[in-house]
Amino acid sequence: MTKLRNRAAAAGAGVVLDRLLGEPLVRPHPVAAFGWAMQRLEKTLYLDDRLQGTAYLGAGVGAAVVAGGVVRSTAAGTYLAVAGRSLADEARAVAALLAAGDLDAARAALPALVGRDPSGLSADEVARAVVESVAENAVDAVVAPALWGAAAGATGALAHRATNTLDSMVGHRGGRYERFGWASARADDVAAWVPARVTAGLVAFVRPAAAVSVLRTVRRDAPAHPSPSAGVAEAAFAAALDLRLGGPSRYGDRMEMRPPLGEGRPPTPADIEPACRLLEDVALAVAALLVTPLALHWARRILR
């Protein structure tokens, strides 16, 4: 119990470090280096086959487990795996371009946040894509790596980051990766299932006036979303921000019609900043959640 409490507090510290310091200054960035290595491995391993894709996932997660064993520190591993500050920075950069009226530059910046095709998107459609990315990545880039860090130390945090990175690289529902990326997509769904629901609870906690609406919207709307984690987070953010997310989204040559999430108005560029502030509040809340048991333990010892 003491070990788990200490590990959870260290994971919470990793989230705080990300908020204070942002991305590590080392170059190449560890995640970028991992992505480059996995792209090279894909050229060797690729077959239009689920079993081969499972081997690819195993190689990537295995490398992350080894890296976690080298890093050892839960705080450091979680800090490397969490990317909440860079997510908010990227979202705010797009918002600034939209505010300046430079729609073309905002479209060009959008792929740093989402995988959808930005060409032809209006300013409001770009804003919707940004808000949806902030909501989805509240799970993938903040809550999930923090919880996995608490559960399994640096190894858990980095293994989750590897799984999520591989999902973003090959976990597509059609085309070249439909079979090869199947294992990566399913593994990411499993790894994010609990963190997504914790994220919804944290959104309700940090926005108490909208808590009932958040929980009701998640229960009603999230099951229709194709992702069992992204739908939960997006529904929670939609309700907290009084927005309606979802709608048509183009990914390469594929058009998806995402279900409506929430009962508010469609997002505009002005909604990006409130979404970023909500992300930051969720990050602080998960850090507090993880640190509190250790703080209470020491408070009880001091007061004895």
Protein backbone atom coordinates (compact mmCIF):
# COMPACT_ATOMS: atom_id res chain seq x y z
CA MET A 1 0.00 0.00 0.00
CA THR A 2 2.84 2.40 0.85
CA LYS A 3 4.55 1.63 -2.46
CA LEU A 4 1.37 2.31 -4.43
CA ARG A 5 0.77 5.55 -2.53
CA ASN A 6 4.31 6.76 -3.21
CA ARG A 7 4.12 5.76 -6.86
CA ALA A 8 0.81 7.58 -7.29
CA ALA A 9 2.27 10.74 -5.75
CA ALA A 10 5.28 10.50 -8.06
CA ALA A 11 2.97 10.18 -11.08
CA GLY A 12 1.10 13.25 -9.89
CA ALA A 13 4.42 15.07 -9.65
CA GLY A 14 5.13 14.11 -13.26
CA VAL A 15 1.89 15.81 -14.34
CA VAL A 16 2.88 18.95 -12.42
CA LEU A 17 6.34 18.91 -14.03
CA ASP A 18 4.73 18.84 -17.47
CA ARG A 19 2.58 21.84 -16.52
CA LEU A 20 5.59 23.78 -15.24
CA LEU A 21 8.25 22.79 -17.78
CA GLY A 22 6.45 21.67 -20.91
CA GLU A 23 8.06 19.20 -23.28
CA PRO A 24 11.63 17.99 -22.53
CA LEU A 25 14.26 20.10 -24.29
CA VAL A 26 16.33 17.07 -25.34
CA ARG A 27 16.58 16.52 -29.08
CA PRO A 28 15.40 14.37 -30.60
CA HIS A 29 12.34 14.24 -28.39
CA PRO A 30 12.02 10.69 -26.98
CA VAL A 31 8.52 10.21 -28.41
CA ALA A 32 9.60 11.56 -31.82
CA ALA A 33 12.57 9.18 -31.78
CA PHE A 34 10.24 6.29 -30.88
CA GLY A 35 7.91 7.20 -33.75
CA TRP A 36 10.82 7.36 -36.21
CA ALA A 37 12.08 3.95 -35.08
CA MET A 38 8.62 2.39 -35.37
CA GLN A 39 8.20 3.81 -38.88
CA ARG A 40 11.44 2.10 -39.87
CA LEU A 41 10.30 -1.15 -38.24
CA GLU A 42 6.98 -0.96 -40.06
CA LYS A 43 8.81 -1.05 -43.39
CA THR A 44 10.35 -4.36 -42.34
CA LEU A 45 7.37 -5.97 -40.61
CA TYR A 46 4.38 -4.72 -42.59
CA LEU A 47 1.96 -7.29 -43.94
CA ASP A 48 -1.76 -6.84 -44.39
CA ASP A 49 -2.28 -9.17 -41.45
CA ARG A 50 -3.49 -8.88 -37.84
CA LEU A 51 -0.84 -11.24 -36.47
CA GLN A 52 1.96 -9.19 -38.01
CA GLY A 53 0.38 -6.03 -36.60
CA THR A 54 0.27 -7.66 -33.17
CA ALA A 55 4.00 -8.40 -33.42
CA TYR A 56 4.58 -4.75 -34.34
CA LEU A 57 2.62 -3.60 -31.29
CA GLY A 58 4.54 -6.03 -29.09
CA ALA A 59 7.86 -4.67 -30.35
CA GLY A 60 6.82 -1.08 -29.64
CA VAL A 61 5.44 -1.75 -26.17
CA GLY A 62 8.43 -3.97 -25.38
CA ALA A 63 10.78 -1.11 -26.25
CA ALA A 64 8.78 1.20 -23.97
CA VAL A 65 8.97 -1.32 -21.12
CA VAL A 66 12.75 -1.47 -21.50
CA ALA A 67 12.89 2.34 -21.53
CA GLY A 68 10.80 2.42 -18.37
CA GLY A 69 13.25 0.07 -16.70
CA VAL A 70 16.10 2.40 -17.66
CA VAL A 71 14.30 5.56 -16.49
CA ARG A 72 13.03 3.88 -13.30
CA SER A 73 11.71 7.13 -11.78
CA THR A 74 7.91 7.23 -11.88
CA ALA A 75 7.94 11.03 -11.82
CA ALA A 76 10.38 11.23 -14.74
CA GLY A 77 8.61 8.54 -16.75
CA THR A 78 5.23 10.18 -16.26
CA TYR A 79 6.67 13.57 -17.17
CA LEU A 80 8.00 12.11 -20.43
CA ALA A 81 4.66 10.45 -21.19
CA VAL A 82 2.35 13.38 -20.34
CA ALA A 83 1.91 16.12 -22.96
CA GLY A 84 -0.83 18.36 -21.59
CA ARG A 85 1.09 21.63 -21.83
CA SER A 86 2.18 21.10 -25.43
CA LEU A 87 -1.40 20.11 -26.33
CA ALA A 88 -2.74 23.37 -24.90
CA ASP A 89 0.06 25.35 -26.59
CA GLU A 90 -0.74 23.81 -30.00
CA ALA A 91 -4.45 24.49 -29.54
CA ARG A 92 -3.84 28.11 -28.54
CA ALA A 93 -1.53 28.58 -31.52
CA VAL A 94 -4.37 27.58 -33.87
CA ALA A 95 -6.76 29.87 -31.96
CA ALA A 96 -4.33 32.79 -32.40
CA LEU A 97 -4.14 32.19 -36.16
CA LEU A 98 -7.94 32.09 -36.39
CA ALA A 99 -8.19 35.29 -34.34
CA ALA A 100 -5.76 36.94 -36.77
CA GLY A 101 -7.94 35.88 -39.70
CA ASP A 102 -5.28 33.57 -41.17
CA LEU A 103 -7.45 30.55 -41.93
CA ASP A 104 -4.90 28.97 -44.29
CA ALA A 105 -2.22 29.01 -41.58
CA ALA A 106 -4.69 27.62 -39.04
CA ARG A 107 -5.51 24.76 -41.42
CA ALA A 108 -1.79 24.12 -41.91
CA ALA A 109 -1.25 23.98 -38.14
CA LEU A 110 -4.19 21.64 -37.49
CA PRO A 111 -2.42 18.33 -38.33
CA ALA A 112 -0.29 18.81 -35.21
CA LEU A 113 -3.49 18.15 -33.26
CA VAL A 114 -5.74 15.91 -35.38
CA GLY A 115 -5.48 13.36 -38.16
CA ARG A 116 -8.37 14.70 -40.20
CA ASP A 117 -8.00 16.50 -43.54
CA PRO A 118 -7.95 20.26 -42.81
CA SER A 119 -8.35 21.44 -46.40
CA GLY A 120 -11.65 23.15 -47.00
CA LEU A 121 -12.53 23.49 -43.31
CA SER A 122 -14.16 26.73 -42.22
CA ALA A 123 -12.91 28.62 -39.16
CA ASP A 124 -15.68 27.10 -37.04
CA GLU A 125 -14.90 23.61 -38.35
CA VAL A 126 -11.23 24.09 -37.48
CA ALA A 127 -12.33 25.20 -34.00
CA ARG A 128 -14.48 22.07 -33.61
CA ALA A 129 -11.54 19.88 -34.59
CA VAL A 130 -9.32 21.63 -32.02
CA VAL A 131 -11.86 21.36 -29.19
CA GLU A 132 -12.47 17.68 -29.97
CA SER A 133 -8.70 17.03 -30.00
CA VAL A 134 -8.23 18.80 -26.68
CA ALA A 135 -11.04 16.72 -25.17
CA GLU A 136 -9.82 13.38 -26.56
CA ASN A 137 -6.23 14.07 -25.58
CA ALA A 138 -7.20 15.02 -22.06
CA VAL A 139 -7.37 11.23 -21.76
CA ASP A 140 -4.52 10.17 -24.04
CA ALA A 141 -1.98 12.86 -23.14
CA VAL A 142 -2.77 13.53 -19.48
CA VAL A 143 -5.07 11.30 -17.45
CA ALA A 144 -4.20 7.90 -18.94
CA PRO A 145 -0.39 8.21 -18.69
CA ALA A 146 -0.75 9.61 -15.17
CA LEU A 147 -2.94 6.71 -14.04
CA TRP A 148 -0.72 4.14 -15.74
CA GLY A 149 2.27 5.76 -14.06
CA ALA A 150 0.51 5.42 -10.71
CA ALA A 151 -0.35 1.78 -11.43
CA ALA A 152 2.94 0.58 -12.90
CA GLY A 153 5.55 3.33 -12.58
CA ALA A 154 7.68 4.63 -15.43
CA THR A 155 7.10 1.38 -17.30
CA GLY A 156 3.33 1.83 -17.21
CA ALA A 157 3.41 5.49 -18.25
CA LEU A 158 5.79 4.91 -21.15
CA ALA A 159 4.05 1.72 -22.29
CA HIS A 160 0.79 3.66 -22.48
CA ARG A 161 2.46 6.46 -24.43
CA ALA A 162 3.87 3.87 -26.86
CA THR A 163 0.47 2.22 -27.31
CA ASN A 164 -1.24 5.55 -27.94
CA THR A 165 1.49 6.63 -30.38
CA LEU A 166 1.17 3.39 -32.34
CA ASP A 167 -2.60 3.81 -32.45
CA SER A 168 -2.16 7.27 -33.95
CA MET A 169 0.33 5.88 -36.50
CA VAL A 170 -1.40 2.69 -37.67
CA GLY A 171 -4.68 2.30 -35.76
CA HIS A 172 -6.90 3.41 -38.64
CA ARG A 173 -10.22 1.81 -39.49
CA GLY A 174 -9.68 1.42 -43.20
CA GLY A 175 -7.13 1.23 -45.99
CA ARG A 176 -3.56 0.01 -45.50
CA TYR A 177 -3.82 -0.35 -41.73
CA GLU A 178 -7.23 -1.93 -41.27
CA ARG A 179 -5.71 -5.30 -40.33
CA PHE A 180 -2.10 -4.38 -39.54
CA GLY A 181 -3.22 -1.64 -37.13
CA TRP A 182 -6.02 -3.64 -35.53
CA ALA A 183 -3.99 -4.71 -32.47
CA SER A 184 -2.67 -1.19 -31.83
CA ALA A 185 -6.17 0.30 -32.04
CA ARG A 186 -7.69 -2.33 -29.74
CA ALA A 187 -4.85 -2.07 -27.23
CA ASP A 188 -5.27 1.70 -27.06
CA ASP A 189 -9.02 1.30 -26.50
CA VAL A 190 -8.38 -1.07 -23.60
CA ALA A 191 -5.63 1.07 -22.06
CA ALA A 192 -7.80 4.21 -22.16
CA TRP A 193 -11.14 2.69 -21.08
CA VAL A 194 -10.84 3.41 -17.35
CA PRO A 195 -8.89 6.69 -17.75
CA ALA A 196 -11.59 8.05 -20.08
CA ARG A 197 -14.24 7.53 -17.44
CA VAL A 198 -12.00 9.02 -14.77
CA THR A 199 -11.57 12.02 -17.09
CA ALA A 200 -15.34 12.47 -17.32
CA GLY A 201 -15.55 12.37 -13.53
CA LEU A 202 -12.77 14.96 -13.26
CA VAL A 203 -14.53 17.24 -15.76
CA ALA A 204 -17.66 17.05 -13.62
CA PHE A 205 -15.57 17.74 -10.50
CA VAL A 206 -13.79 20.84 -11.87
CA ARG A 207 -17.01 22.22 -13.42
CA PRO A 208 -19.51 21.48 -10.62
CA ALA A 209 -22.24 23.72 -12.05
CA ALA A 210 -22.33 21.45 -15.12
CA ALA A 211 -21.68 18.15 -13.30
CA VAL A 212 -25.16 16.71 -13.77
CA SER A 213 -25.17 17.67 -17.44
CA VAL A 214 -21.70 16.16 -17.92
CA LEU A 215 -22.66 12.79 -16.46
CA ARG A 216 -26.00 12.72 -18.26
CA THR A 217 -24.43 13.61 -21.62
CA VAL A 218 -21.69 11.00 -21.26
CA ARG A 219 -24.23 8.31 -20.45
CA ARG A 220 -26.57 9.31 -23.28
CA ASP A 221 -24.25 10.32 -26.15
CA ALA A 222 -20.86 8.64 -25.70
CA PRO A 223 -21.97 5.07 -26.62
CA ALA A 224 -22.75 6.18 -30.18
CA HIS A 225 -19.15 7.34 -30.77
CA PRO A 226 -16.87 4.85 -32.56
CA SER A 227 -14.20 5.19 -29.85
CA PRO A 228 -15.05 3.92 -26.35
CA SER A 229 -12.69 6.51 -24.82
CA ALA A 230 -12.74 9.56 -27.12
CA GLY A 231 -16.54 9.60 -27.09
CA VAL A 232 -16.62 9.75 -23.29
CA ALA A 233 -14.12 12.62 -23.09
CA GLU A 234 -15.69 14.60 -25.93
CA ALA A 235 -19.18 14.22 -24.47
CA ALA A 236 -17.91 15.40 -21.08
CA PHE A 237 -16.18 18.46 -22.58
CA ALA A 238 -19.20 19.25 -24.74
CA ALA A 239 -21.51 19.33 -21.73
CA ALA A 240 -19.08 21.29 -19.55
CA LEU A 241 -18.55 23.91 -22.27
CA ASP A 242 -22.22 23.93 -23.37
CA LEU A 243 -21.27 22.88 -26.90
CA ARG A 244 -22.38 20.34 -29.47
CA LEU A 245 -19.48 18.34 -30.89
CA GLY A 246 -19.48 15.72 -33.64
CA GLY A 247 -20.44 15.88 -37.30
CA PRO A 248 -18.65 15.15 -40.58
CA SER A 249 -14.89 14.56 -40.36
CA ARG A 250 -12.64 13.64 -43.29
CA TYR A 251 -9.63 11.35 -42.73
CA GLY A 252 -7.69 11.08 -45.97
CA ASP A 253 -10.08 9.61 -48.54
CA ARG A 254 -12.56 8.57 -45.86
CA MET A 255 -15.46 10.68 -44.60
CA GLU A 256 -16.88 9.80 -41.17
CA MET A 257 -20.12 11.16 -39.77
CA ARG A 258 -19.52 11.40 -36.03
CA PRO A 259 -22.60 11.35 -33.75
CA PRO A 260 -23.69 14.55 -32.00
CA LEU A 261 -22.30 14.97 -28.49
CA GLY A 262 -23.95 17.52 -26.23
CA GLU A 263 -26.91 19.82 -26.64
CA GLY A 264 -25.22 23.22 -26.89
CA ARG A 265 -24.19 25.34 -29.86
CA PRO A 266 -21.50 24.42 -32.42
CA PRO A 267 -17.98 25.50 -31.41
CA THR A 268 -16.41 28.73 -32.63
CA PRO A 269 -12.76 29.86 -32.37
CA ALA A 270 -13.63 31.61 -29.08
CA ASP A 271 -14.31 28.19 -27.51
CA ILE A 272 -10.73 26.95 -27.89
CA GLU A 273 -9.44 28.90 -24.88
CA PRO A 274 -12.16 27.64 -22.49
CA ALA A 275 -11.41 24.09 -23.68
CA CYS A 276 -7.70 24.62 -22.92
CA ARG A 277 -8.50 25.96 -19.46
CA LEU A 278 -10.71 22.93 -18.81
CA LEU A 279 -7.86 20.65 -19.91
CA GLU A 280 -5.50 22.39 -17.50
CA ASP A 281 -8.00 22.10 -14.64
CA VAL A 282 -8.41 18.38 -15.35
CA ALA A 283 -4.61 17.95 -15.31
CA LEU A 284 -4.34 19.69 -11.94
CA ALA A 285 -7.25 17.63 -10.61
CA VAL A 286 -5.69 14.29 -11.59
CA ALA A 287 -2.38 15.41 -10.06
CA ALA A 288 -4.18 16.32 -6.83
CA LEU A 289 -6.07 13.00 -6.90
CA LEU A 290 -2.80 11.09 -7.09
CA VAL A 291 -0.88 13.14 -4.52
CA THR A 292 -3.67 13.37 -1.91
CA PRO A 293 -3.28 9.86 -0.37
CA LEU A 294 0.39 10.49 0.40
CA ALA A 295 -0.38 13.98 1.73
CA LEU A 296 -3.08 12.59 4.02
CA HIS A 297 -0.72 9.84 5.21
CA TRP A 298 1.92 12.37 6.24
CA ALA A 299 -0.67 14.67 7.78
CA ARG A 300 -1.90 11.82 9.98
CA ARG A 301 1.66 11.00 11.04
CA ILE A 302 2.42 14.63 11.90
CA LEU A 303 -0.80 15.03 13.89
CA ARG A 304 -0.33 11.88 15.97
